[in-house]
Amino acid sequence: MGEVETTDFDLLIVGAGPAGMAAAVEAVTHGLTVALFDEGSNAGGQIYRNVSISPISDKKILGEDYFYGARLVADASSCGARVVTGATVWMVERHAETSLFSVGVLQAGSAKLYSARGVLIATGALERPFPINGWTLPGVMTAGAAQSMLKASGAVPEGKVVLAGTGPLIYLLAAQFARGQVPVAALLDTTPYANLWKAFAHLPGFLVSAYFRKGVGLLREVGRSTRIIRGVTSLKATGSERLEAITFEVGARRRTIAADTMLLHQGVVPQVNLAMAAGCRHSWSAERLAFEPDLDQGCRSSVPGLFIAGDTGGIGGALAAEISGTIAALHFARDMGKVATSVCDLKARSLKDDMKKVLRGRSFIDAFYKPAEVFRMPADDVVVCRCEEVHAGEVRAAAVRGAQGPNQTKTFLRTGMGPCQGRLCGLTVTELMARTLDKTPNEIGYFHIRNPVKPITLGALAGLKGDGETRRLF
């Protein structure tokens, strides 16, 4: 039998993106022992993926904002924290008797348990589900996945590439492709025209923010290199064995264009699975159309000793994530008696002032790029749960037959029971059921997420048990 690794840490951080790296640096300065785990092969997270060993020599392609992360990676790597990459955290469990956390980590096929006095979850964001007819065809993928490939290996799609959806990322990717001489056949913008009026109340703050300056420059750049079609109200990917064409509508006009690759995107949402499995309370945000953890000013969750920072706590971008990671580590250090309350409060006020500046204009972005209802709650014939091949109509029918929430649909349809554990369908199922039952998403709720939150083999689990041990892990 394998031995249980019992290495103790004061703070164990999950996710080596900007929030996790900043938290590690801050925590170490206060004399805390820190471990930082990330699934990637290098620190940086999604936003700064492979920044320290980027395969792209021309820095103009990915831009200055991307290479800013090299300093963060260097600081985190040299601060004295134990940084472990290529490691999947599949469990975070707090023991009521000891107040310590057990954290399950899978690395190189071997499972280990680590003990920590506190845990910071900084797993970032994932792309919002974008279910349309044909989105399961080979050749259809998310814009975020395409950007990950670009950052990780410099790989780009061949043939006729079409970007479709809404949000800043889709324009950023179009610009990066253009800088790298990758032709984009079209950008199909699904942003509803009505959103502009809803965002108008937030315009003053947006006009004096960095978002405005960068956004105007980005739109001009993309407009010079890419054919942009705005006001798209429907999308359908078609093909026999892989993507061949895209049919879309603008107003009453239907059009079809040939395509080899379709990149979908309609914003990002917090990665909630690990925090939910750990017992953290979450609430629905009507402004951002997603479940977000309930946090106090120090990034503390509803579970004592468990902190959440970065986009996992609410979408704010890389700079906001970096600041929130520092805030979380500072308050954990105070809770551990490493920082005087007066010193913590003084520094926290300064950090929160920085946060306000970074987030200025964010409300306009949230309102303007709010995805259209038709793309969040699709027609009955659209697959919404890819793992179990469940259609939107089946989810609606389950609600009519008596299912009162996503967890009961598991009994009816097995939604959320595949390898992704609801990451690709959770929000869609919640909104579909809420609309069908005339309830709010908060009343409907989300899937009950249970450990392990990521796939792990029985062999790896068996290796955790010592002779005669029957301890319950989850």
Protein backbone atom coordinates (compact mmCIF):
# COMPACT_ATOMS: atom_id res chain seq x y z
CA MET A 1 0.00 0.00 0.00
CA GLY A 2 1.15 3.54 -0.71
CA GLU A 3 2.03 5.87 2.13
CA VAL A 4 0.08 9.01 2.89
CA GLU A 5 2.19 12.13 2.52
CA THR A 6 1.56 14.22 5.64
CA THR A 7 3.56 17.34 4.81
CA ASP A 8 1.99 20.28 6.65
CA PHE A 9 1.66 23.83 5.36
CA ASP A 10 0.25 26.96 6.84
CA LEU A 11 -1.39 27.91 3.56
CA LEU A 12 -2.08 25.70 0.57
CA ILE A 13 -2.99 27.55 -2.63
CA VAL A 14 -4.84 25.94 -5.51
CA GLY A 15 -4.11 27.69 -8.80
CA ALA A 16 -0.92 29.42 -9.94
CA GLY A 17 -2.56 32.26 -11.84
CA PRO A 18 -2.17 35.91 -10.86
CA ALA A 19 -4.20 35.54 -7.64
CA GLY A 20 -2.41 32.40 -6.48
CA MET A 21 1.07 33.67 -7.30
CA ALA A 22 0.49 37.04 -5.60
CA ALA A 23 -0.92 35.28 -2.54
CA ALA A 24 2.10 32.99 -2.28
CA VAL A 25 4.50 35.93 -2.36
CA GLU A 26 2.53 37.86 0.26
CA ALA A 27 2.09 34.87 2.58
CA VAL A 28 5.79 33.99 2.56
CA THR A 29 6.74 37.55 3.53
CA HIS A 30 4.83 37.02 6.77
CA GLY A 31 6.72 33.85 7.64
CA LEU A 32 4.08 31.37 6.56
CA THR A 33 4.88 28.03 4.96
CA VAL A 34 3.16 27.91 1.58
CA ALA A 35 2.46 25.32 -1.12
CA LEU A 36 1.16 26.36 -4.54
CA PHE A 37 -0.39 23.73 -6.85
CA ASP A 38 -1.41 24.09 -10.49
CA GLU A 39 -2.53 21.74 -13.25
CA GLY A 40 -0.42 23.48 -15.87
CA SER A 41 3.12 22.50 -16.74
CA ASN A 42 4.29 25.94 -15.61
CA ALA A 43 3.02 28.66 -13.29
CA GLY A 44 1.00 31.46 -14.83
CA GLY A 45 -2.56 30.18 -15.01
CA GLN A 46 -4.67 30.66 -18.11
CA ILE A 47 -4.00 34.36 -18.52
CA TYR A 48 -0.20 34.00 -18.28
CA ARG A 49 0.07 30.45 -19.60
CA ASN A 50 3.69 29.54 -20.43
CA VAL A 51 4.74 33.20 -20.16
CA SER A 52 8.16 32.27 -18.76
CA ILE A 53 8.93 29.95 -21.70
CA SER A 54 6.70 31.41 -24.41
CA PRO A 55 7.24 29.80 -27.84
CA ILE A 56 6.23 33.09 -29.48
CA SER A 57 9.25 35.32 -30.01
CA ASP A 58 7.30 38.32 -31.32
CA LYS A 59 5.89 39.90 -28.17
CA LYS A 60 3.51 42.05 -30.19
CA ILE A 61 1.36 39.01 -30.99
CA LEU A 62 0.21 38.32 -27.43
CA GLY A 63 0.72 41.89 -26.19
CA GLU A 64 2.26 43.65 -23.22
CA ASP A 65 -0.50 42.60 -20.81
CA TYR A 66 0.45 38.95 -21.32
CA PHE A 67 4.18 39.38 -20.79
CA TYR A 68 3.56 41.43 -17.65
CA GLY A 69 2.94 38.04 -16.02
CA ALA A 70 6.60 37.02 -16.37
CA ARG A 71 7.47 39.09 -13.31
CA LEU A 72 4.74 37.42 -11.26
CA VAL A 73 5.96 33.97 -12.24
CA ALA A 74 9.54 34.85 -11.35
CA ASP A 75 8.50 36.29 -7.98
CA ALA A 76 6.36 33.26 -7.09
CA SER A 77 9.07 30.82 -8.15
CA SER A 78 11.74 32.49 -6.02
CA CYS A 79 9.74 33.59 -2.96
CA GLY A 80 10.27 30.40 -0.99
CA ALA A 81 6.89 28.79 -1.52
CA ARG A 82 6.75 25.19 -2.69
CA VAL A 83 5.46 25.44 -6.26
CA VAL A 84 4.14 22.18 -7.74
CA THR A 85 2.97 22.15 -11.37
CA GLY A 86 1.33 19.34 -13.32
CA ALA A 87 -0.72 18.64 -10.20
CA THR A 88 -4.52 18.26 -10.09
CA VAL A 89 -6.28 19.08 -6.82
CA TRP A 90 -9.27 16.78 -6.62
CA MET A 91 -10.40 17.31 -3.01
CA VAL A 92 -10.42 19.97 -0.30
CA GLU A 93 -11.89 18.77 2.99
CA ARG A 94 -11.94 20.55 6.36
CA HIS A 95 -11.90 18.42 9.50
CA ALA A 96 -14.16 19.83 12.22
CA GLU A 97 -12.15 18.16 15.01
CA THR A 98 -8.78 19.64 14.09
CA SER A 99 -9.79 22.61 11.88
CA LEU A 100 -7.12 21.40 9.45
CA PHE A 101 -7.68 20.81 5.77
CA SER A 102 -6.87 17.66 3.83
CA VAL A 103 -6.12 18.41 0.20
CA GLY A 104 -6.03 15.61 -2.34
CA VAL A 105 -3.57 16.05 -5.18
CA LEU A 106 -3.02 13.86 -8.24
CA GLN A 107 0.42 14.06 -9.84
CA ALA A 108 1.98 11.70 -12.38
CA GLY A 109 -0.80 9.18 -11.72
CA SER A 110 -0.14 9.11 -7.98
CA ALA A 111 -2.52 10.54 -5.38
CA LYS A 112 -1.28 12.26 -2.24
CA LEU A 113 -2.84 14.03 0.72
CA TYR A 114 -1.49 17.30 2.09
CA SER A 115 -2.45 18.97 5.34
CA ALA A 116 -2.89 22.72 5.70
CA ARG A 117 -4.13 25.21 8.27
CA GLY A 118 -5.68 27.30 5.55
CA VAL A 119 -6.58 26.93 1.88
CA LEU A 120 -6.85 29.54 -0.84
CA ILE A 121 -8.78 28.54 -3.94
CA ALA A 122 -7.67 30.60 -6.93
CA THR A 123 -8.63 28.37 -9.85
CA GLY A 124 -9.76 31.27 -12.03
CA ALA A 125 -12.54 31.23 -14.58
CA LEU A 126 -13.92 29.02 -17.30
CA GLU A 127 -15.85 29.92 -20.41
CA ARG A 128 -19.60 30.17 -20.12
CA PRO A 129 -21.42 27.31 -21.86
CA PHE A 130 -22.39 28.28 -25.44
CA PRO A 131 -24.78 25.55 -26.65
CA ILE A 132 -25.83 25.86 -30.30
CA ASN A 133 -26.81 23.32 -32.93
CA GLY A 134 -23.62 21.62 -34.10
CA TRP A 135 -21.35 22.73 -31.25
CA THR A 136 -20.28 19.12 -30.72
CA LEU A 137 -18.89 18.81 -34.27
CA PRO A 138 -15.11 18.42 -34.72
CA GLY A 139 -13.83 21.82 -35.73
CA VAL A 140 -15.99 23.70 -33.21
CA MET A 141 -14.19 24.74 -30.04
CA THR A 142 -14.04 27.65 -27.63
CA ALA A 143 -12.04 30.81 -28.17
CA GLY A 144 -10.36 30.23 -24.82
CA ALA A 145 -9.14 26.81 -25.91
CA ALA A 146 -7.71 28.31 -29.10
CA GLN A 147 -5.94 31.00 -27.11
CA SER A 148 -4.52 28.36 -24.74
CA MET A 149 -3.04 26.51 -27.73
CA LEU A 150 -1.56 29.75 -29.02
CA LYS A 151 0.09 30.52 -25.68
CA ALA A 152 1.19 26.98 -24.93
CA SER A 153 2.75 26.01 -28.26
CA GLY A 154 2.15 28.74 -30.81
CA ALA A 155 -0.38 26.47 -32.54
CA VAL A 156 -3.14 28.10 -34.59
CA PRO A 157 -6.05 26.67 -36.61
CA GLU A 158 -5.71 26.22 -40.35
CA GLY A 159 -8.23 26.89 -43.08
CA LYS A 160 -11.20 29.22 -42.77
CA VAL A 161 -11.52 30.41 -39.18
CA VAL A 162 -14.69 32.06 -37.86
CA LEU A 163 -15.03 33.59 -34.40
CA ALA A 164 -18.53 33.87 -32.95
CA GLY A 165 -19.97 35.28 -29.75
CA THR A 166 -19.58 38.24 -27.45
CA GLY A 167 -17.07 39.68 -25.00
CA PRO A 168 -13.62 41.25 -25.02
CA LEU A 169 -11.77 37.93 -25.37
CA ILE A 170 -13.14 37.22 -28.81
CA TYR A 171 -11.84 40.56 -30.06
CA LEU A 172 -8.50 40.06 -28.33
CA LEU A 173 -8.08 36.67 -30.01
CA ALA A 174 -8.99 38.16 -33.39
CA ALA A 175 -6.28 40.80 -32.88
CA GLN A 176 -3.71 38.21 -31.81
CA PHE A 177 -4.47 36.08 -34.86
CA ALA A 178 -4.12 39.11 -37.12
CA ARG A 179 -0.76 40.01 -35.58
CA GLY A 180 0.39 36.46 -36.21
CA GLN A 181 -0.77 36.52 -39.83
CA VAL A 182 -3.61 34.06 -39.16
CA PRO A 183 -6.55 35.03 -41.42
CA VAL A 184 -10.00 35.19 -39.83
CA ALA A 185 -12.86 34.81 -42.31
CA ALA A 186 -15.35 36.61 -40.07
CA LEU A 187 -16.19 37.63 -36.53
CA LEU A 188 -19.90 37.05 -35.83
CA ASP A 189 -20.77 39.34 -32.92
CA THR A 190 -23.82 38.18 -30.93
CA THR A 191 -23.86 41.15 -28.53
CA PRO A 192 -27.51 42.31 -28.34
CA TYR A 193 -27.99 45.92 -29.47
CA ALA A 194 -30.28 46.46 -26.47
CA ASN A 195 -27.33 45.92 -24.14
CA LEU A 196 -25.93 49.35 -24.99
CA TRP A 197 -28.91 51.07 -23.40
CA LYS A 198 -28.67 48.90 -20.31
CA ALA A 199 -24.97 49.69 -20.00
CA PHE A 200 -25.46 53.43 -20.51
CA ALA A 201 -25.86 54.09 -16.77
CA HIS A 202 -22.32 52.82 -16.24
CA LEU A 203 -20.82 54.88 -19.07
CA PRO A 204 -19.21 57.71 -17.03
CA GLY A 205 -16.96 55.36 -15.08
CA PHE A 206 -16.13 53.40 -18.20
CA LEU A 207 -15.02 56.49 -20.15
CA VAL A 208 -12.30 57.28 -17.59
CA SER A 209 -11.13 53.69 -17.21
CA ALA A 210 -8.34 51.67 -18.79
CA TYR A 211 -11.05 49.46 -20.30
CA PHE A 212 -12.17 52.33 -22.54
CA ARG A 213 -8.70 53.18 -23.81
CA LYS A 214 -7.74 49.60 -24.48
CA GLY A 215 -11.15 48.71 -25.88
CA VAL A 216 -11.21 51.48 -28.45
CA GLY A 217 -7.73 50.55 -29.64
CA LEU A 218 -8.65 46.87 -29.85
CA LEU A 219 -11.84 47.51 -31.83
CA ARG A 220 -9.96 49.68 -34.31
CA GLU A 221 -7.24 47.08 -34.73
CA VAL A 222 -9.68 44.23 -35.32
CA GLY A 223 -11.80 46.38 -37.63
CA ARG A 224 -8.80 46.92 -39.91
CA SER A 225 -8.01 43.22 -40.27
CA THR A 226 -11.25 41.30 -39.76
CA ARG A 227 -14.73 41.29 -41.26
CA ILE A 228 -17.09 41.97 -38.34
CA ILE A 229 -20.78 41.12 -38.61
CA ARG A 230 -22.77 42.54 -35.70
CA GLY A 231 -26.30 41.86 -34.51
CA VAL A 232 -26.15 38.08 -34.99
CA THR A 233 -29.24 36.49 -33.45
CA SER A 234 -28.81 32.80 -34.31
CA LEU A 235 -25.94 30.41 -34.99
CA LYS A 236 -25.78 26.87 -36.36
CA ALA A 237 -22.73 24.78 -37.18
CA THR A 238 -23.25 22.19 -39.91
CA GLY A 239 -21.25 19.37 -41.47
CA SER A 240 -21.37 15.64 -42.06
CA GLU A 241 -18.38 14.42 -40.03
CA ARG A 242 -16.80 17.76 -39.07
CA LEU A 243 -17.57 21.45 -39.41
CA GLU A 244 -18.17 22.59 -42.97
CA ALA A 245 -20.32 25.71 -42.70
CA ILE A 246 -21.99 28.14 -40.31
CA THR A 247 -25.52 29.43 -40.76
CA PHE A 248 -26.43 32.62 -38.93
CA GLU A 249 -29.10 35.29 -38.88
CA VAL A 250 -28.88 39.06 -38.68
CA GLY A 251 -32.36 40.43 -38.28
CA ALA A 252 -34.60 38.62 -40.74
CA ARG A 253 -31.74 37.73 -43.07
CA ARG A 254 -30.21 34.23 -42.99
CA ARG A 255 -26.71 33.68 -44.33
CA THR A 256 -24.26 30.78 -44.60
CA ILE A 257 -20.46 30.89 -44.75
CA ALA A 258 -17.96 28.08 -45.21
CA ALA A 259 -15.72 27.35 -42.23
CA ASP A 260 -13.12 24.82 -41.11
CA THR A 261 -12.89 26.10 -37.53
CA MET A 262 -15.48 27.87 -35.41
CA LEU A 263 -14.38 29.47 -32.15
CA LEU A 264 -17.22 30.19 -29.72
CA HIS A 265 -17.20 32.53 -26.75
CA GLN A 266 -19.78 34.37 -24.64
CA GLY A 267 -17.85 35.44 -21.58
CA VAL A 268 -16.28 33.72 -18.60
CA VAL A 269 -17.65 32.69 -15.21
CA PRO A 270 -16.05 31.60 -11.92
CA GLN A 271 -14.84 28.02 -11.60
CA VAL A 272 -17.04 26.95 -8.70
CA ASN A 273 -16.70 23.16 -8.50
CA LEU A 274 -13.82 22.87 -6.03
CA ALA A 275 -15.19 25.58 -3.73
CA MET A 276 -18.70 24.13 -3.83
CA ALA A 277 -17.42 20.64 -3.05
CA ALA A 278 -15.58 22.12 -0.07
CA GLY A 279 -18.88 23.50 1.22
CA CYS A 280 -18.53 27.19 0.36
CA ARG A 281 -21.83 29.04 0.05
CA HIS A 282 -22.55 30.59 -3.36
CA SER A 283 -25.21 32.99 -4.63
CA TRP A 284 -26.52 33.86 -8.09
CA SER A 285 -25.44 37.17 -9.58
CA ALA A 286 -28.18 38.67 -11.76
CA GLU A 287 -25.67 41.14 -13.19
CA ARG A 288 -23.12 38.55 -14.26
CA LEU A 289 -25.49 35.58 -14.70
CA ALA A 290 -23.39 33.14 -12.68
CA PHE A 291 -22.98 31.65 -9.22
CA GLU A 292 -20.33 33.43 -7.15
CA PRO A 293 -19.01 32.58 -3.67
CA ASP A 294 -20.14 34.63 -0.67
CA LEU A 295 -16.96 36.36 0.54
CA ASP A 296 -16.14 38.98 3.15
CA GLN A 297 -13.75 41.89 2.63
CA GLY A 298 -10.78 39.65 3.39
CA CYS A 299 -11.73 37.04 0.75
CA ARG A 300 -12.89 34.61 3.44
CA SER A 301 -15.53 32.12 2.35
CA SER A 302 -18.33 30.66 4.48
CA VAL A 303 -15.98 27.79 5.43
CA PRO A 304 -13.60 28.89 8.22
CA GLY A 305 -10.00 28.96 7.02
CA LEU A 306 -10.91 28.72 3.34
CA PHE A 307 -10.25 31.79 1.19
CA ILE A 308 -11.17 32.44 -2.44
CA ALA A 309 -9.43 34.98 -4.68
CA GLY A 310 -9.17 36.01 -8.31
CA ASP A 311 -11.81 35.24 -10.91
CA THR A 312 -12.97 32.27 -8.81
CA GLY A 313 -14.52 34.86 -6.51
CA GLY A 314 -15.99 37.00 -9.31
CA ILE A 315 -14.74 38.00 -12.73
CA GLY A 316 -12.47 41.04 -12.57
CA GLY A 317 -9.47 40.28 -14.76
CA ALA A 318 -5.80 39.63 -14.14
CA LEU A 319 -4.86 42.81 -12.28
CA ALA A 320 -7.85 42.56 -9.95
CA ALA A 321 -7.00 38.90 -9.35
CA GLU A 322 -3.45 39.79 -8.37
CA ILE A 323 -4.68 42.34 -5.84
CA SER A 324 -7.30 39.99 -4.39
CA GLY A 325 -4.68 37.27 -3.93
CA THR A 326 -2.57 39.67 -1.89
CA ILE A 327 -5.63 40.70 0.17
CA ALA A 328 -6.51 37.08 0.90
CA ALA A 329 -2.98 36.15 2.00
CA LEU A 330 -2.71 39.28 4.15
CA HIS A 331 -5.91 38.47 6.02
CA PHE A 332 -4.94 34.83 6.45
CA ALA A 333 -1.65 36.00 7.95
CA ARG A 334 -3.61 38.20 10.34
CA ASP A 335 -5.85 35.28 11.31
CA MET A 336 -2.70 33.26 12.03
CA GLY A 337 -1.32 36.00 14.28
CA LYS A 338 1.48 36.89 11.90
CA VAL A 339 0.24 40.43 11.21
CA ALA A 340 -1.17 42.95 13.65
CA THR A 341 -4.77 43.94 12.96
CA SER A 342 -3.86 47.61 12.62
CA VAL A 343 -1.12 46.82 10.08
CA CYS A 344 -3.44 44.53 8.14
CA ASP A 345 -6.23 47.10 8.02
CA LEU A 346 -3.89 49.85 6.83
CA LYS A 347 -2.45 47.77 4.00
CA ALA A 348 -5.86 46.36 3.10
CA ARG A 349 -7.28 49.87 2.65
CA SER A 350 -4.51 50.71 0.21
CA LEU A 351 -5.07 47.46 -1.70
CA LYS A 352 -8.80 48.06 -1.90
CA ASP A 353 -8.18 51.54 -3.30
CA ASP A 354 -6.05 49.90 -5.98
CA MET A 355 -8.84 47.42 -6.62
CA LYS A 356 -11.39 50.19 -7.17
CA LYS A 357 -9.12 51.81 -9.77
CA VAL A 358 -8.56 48.52 -11.58
CA LEU A 359 -12.28 47.67 -11.62
CA ARG A 360 -13.43 51.12 -12.70
CA GLY A 361 -15.56 50.62 -15.80
CA ARG A 362 -16.11 46.92 -15.15
CA SER A 363 -19.86 47.39 -14.61
CA PHE A 364 -20.17 48.73 -18.15
CA ILE A 365 -18.34 45.68 -19.52
CA ASP A 366 -20.61 43.31 -17.56
CA ALA A 367 -23.77 45.01 -18.79
CA PHE A 368 -22.72 45.56 -22.39
CA TYR A 369 -21.42 42.04 -22.98
CA LYS A 370 -24.20 40.21 -21.13
CA PRO A 371 -24.92 37.22 -23.42
CA ALA A 372 -28.26 36.99 -25.16
CA GLU A 373 -30.92 34.76 -23.65
CA VAL A 374 -31.29 32.72 -26.85
CA PHE A 375 -27.66 31.59 -26.57
CA ARG A 376 -27.90 30.80 -22.85
CA MET A 377 -31.21 28.93 -23.02
CA PRO A 378 -31.34 27.36 -26.49
CA ALA A 379 -34.12 25.65 -28.41
CA ASP A 380 -35.31 22.16 -27.46
CA ASP A 381 -33.29 20.36 -30.16
CA VAL A 382 -29.91 21.68 -28.96
CA VAL A 383 -27.59 19.43 -26.92
CA VAL A 384 -26.79 21.12 -23.60
CA CYS A 385 -25.08 18.29 -21.70
CA ARG A 386 -22.36 17.05 -24.01
CA CYS A 387 -21.18 14.24 -21.73
CA GLU A 388 -24.59 12.52 -21.59
CA GLU A 389 -26.01 13.96 -24.86
CA VAL A 390 -29.01 15.58 -23.19
CA HIS A 391 -31.04 18.15 -25.16
CA ALA A 392 -32.53 21.37 -23.84
CA GLY A 393 -36.03 20.06 -24.46
CA GLU A 394 -35.37 17.07 -22.20
CA VAL A 395 -34.31 19.38 -19.36
CA ARG A 396 -37.48 21.44 -19.78
CA ALA A 397 -39.58 18.26 -19.87
CA ALA A 398 -37.92 16.97 -16.68
CA ALA A 399 -38.86 20.19 -14.93
CA VAL A 400 -42.47 19.82 -16.07
CA ARG A 401 -42.51 16.20 -14.85
CA GLY A 402 -41.47 17.23 -11.35
CA ALA A 403 -37.73 17.83 -11.18
CA GLN A 404 -37.29 20.88 -8.96
CA GLY A 405 -33.62 21.53 -9.54
CA PRO A 406 -30.45 20.42 -11.35
CA ASN A 407 -29.79 17.61 -8.89
CA GLN A 408 -33.11 15.95 -9.58
CA THR A 409 -32.38 16.12 -13.31
CA LYS A 410 -29.47 13.78 -12.58
CA THR A 411 -32.04 11.14 -11.68
CA PHE A 412 -34.13 11.89 -14.74
CA LEU A 413 -31.39 12.49 -17.31
CA ARG A 414 -27.87 12.06 -15.82
CA THR A 415 -27.04 15.69 -16.58
CA GLY A 416 -23.88 16.81 -14.82
CA MET A 417 -22.73 13.23 -14.17
CA GLY A 418 -20.12 13.06 -16.94
CA PRO A 419 -16.39 13.78 -16.77
CA CYS A 420 -16.89 17.57 -16.78
CA GLN A 421 -19.17 17.37 -13.70
CA GLY A 422 -21.42 20.12 -14.98
CA ARG A 423 -18.77 22.57 -16.10
CA LEU A 424 -20.20 22.64 -19.63
CA CYS A 425 -23.89 22.45 -18.75
CA GLY A 426 -24.42 23.56 -15.15
CA LEU A 427 -25.41 27.16 -15.79
CA THR A 428 -27.53 26.20 -18.80
CA VAL A 429 -29.46 23.57 -16.83
CA THR A 430 -30.06 26.00 -13.97
CA GLU A 431 -31.37 28.77 -16.23
CA LEU A 432 -33.52 26.39 -18.30
CA MET A 433 -35.18 24.99 -15.19
CA ALA A 434 -35.60 28.40 -13.59
CA ARG A 435 -37.38 29.73 -16.66
CA THR A 436 -39.55 26.61 -17.02
CA LEU A 437 -40.59 26.64 -13.35
CA ASP A 438 -40.86 30.43 -13.14
CA LYS A 439 -38.28 30.61 -10.37
CA THR A 440 -35.01 32.44 -9.89
CA PRO A 441 -31.69 30.65 -10.48
CA ASN A 442 -30.96 31.13 -6.78
CA GLU A 443 -34.14 29.19 -5.93
CA ILE A 444 -33.29 26.46 -8.43
CA GLY A 445 -29.66 26.18 -7.33
CA TYR A 446 -26.74 24.38 -8.90
CA PHE A 447 -25.50 20.80 -9.02
CA HIS A 448 -24.37 19.38 -5.68
CA ILE A 449 -20.66 18.97 -6.39
CA ARG A 450 -18.94 16.13 -4.56
CA ASN A 451 -15.34 15.03 -4.22
CA PRO A 452 -13.43 14.06 -6.23
CA VAL A 453 -14.02 17.14 -8.38
CA LYS A 454 -11.62 15.92 -11.06
CA PRO A 455 -11.26 12.37 -12.47
CA ILE A 456 -9.00 10.11 -10.44
CA THR A 457 -8.43 6.38 -10.86
CA LEU A 458 -9.44 3.81 -8.28
CA GLY A 459 -5.84 2.67 -8.24
CA ALA A 460 -4.66 6.12 -7.23
CA LEU A 461 -7.27 6.26 -4.47
CA ALA A 462 -6.37 2.78 -3.25
CA GLY A 463 -2.76 3.86 -2.96
CA LEU A 464 -3.77 6.37 -0.29
CA LYS A 465 -4.89 3.72 2.21
CA GLY A 466 -2.43 2.26 4.65
CA ASP A 467 -2.70 -1.20 6.24
CA GLY A 468 -6.02 -1.53 8.02
CA GLU A 469 -7.02 2.05 7.21
CA THR A 470 -10.68 2.68 6.50
CA ARG A 471 -10.66 6.47 6.82
CA ARG A 472 -13.38 8.22 4.80
CA LEU A 473 -11.93 10.71 2.32
CA PHE A 474 -15.15 12.10 0.85
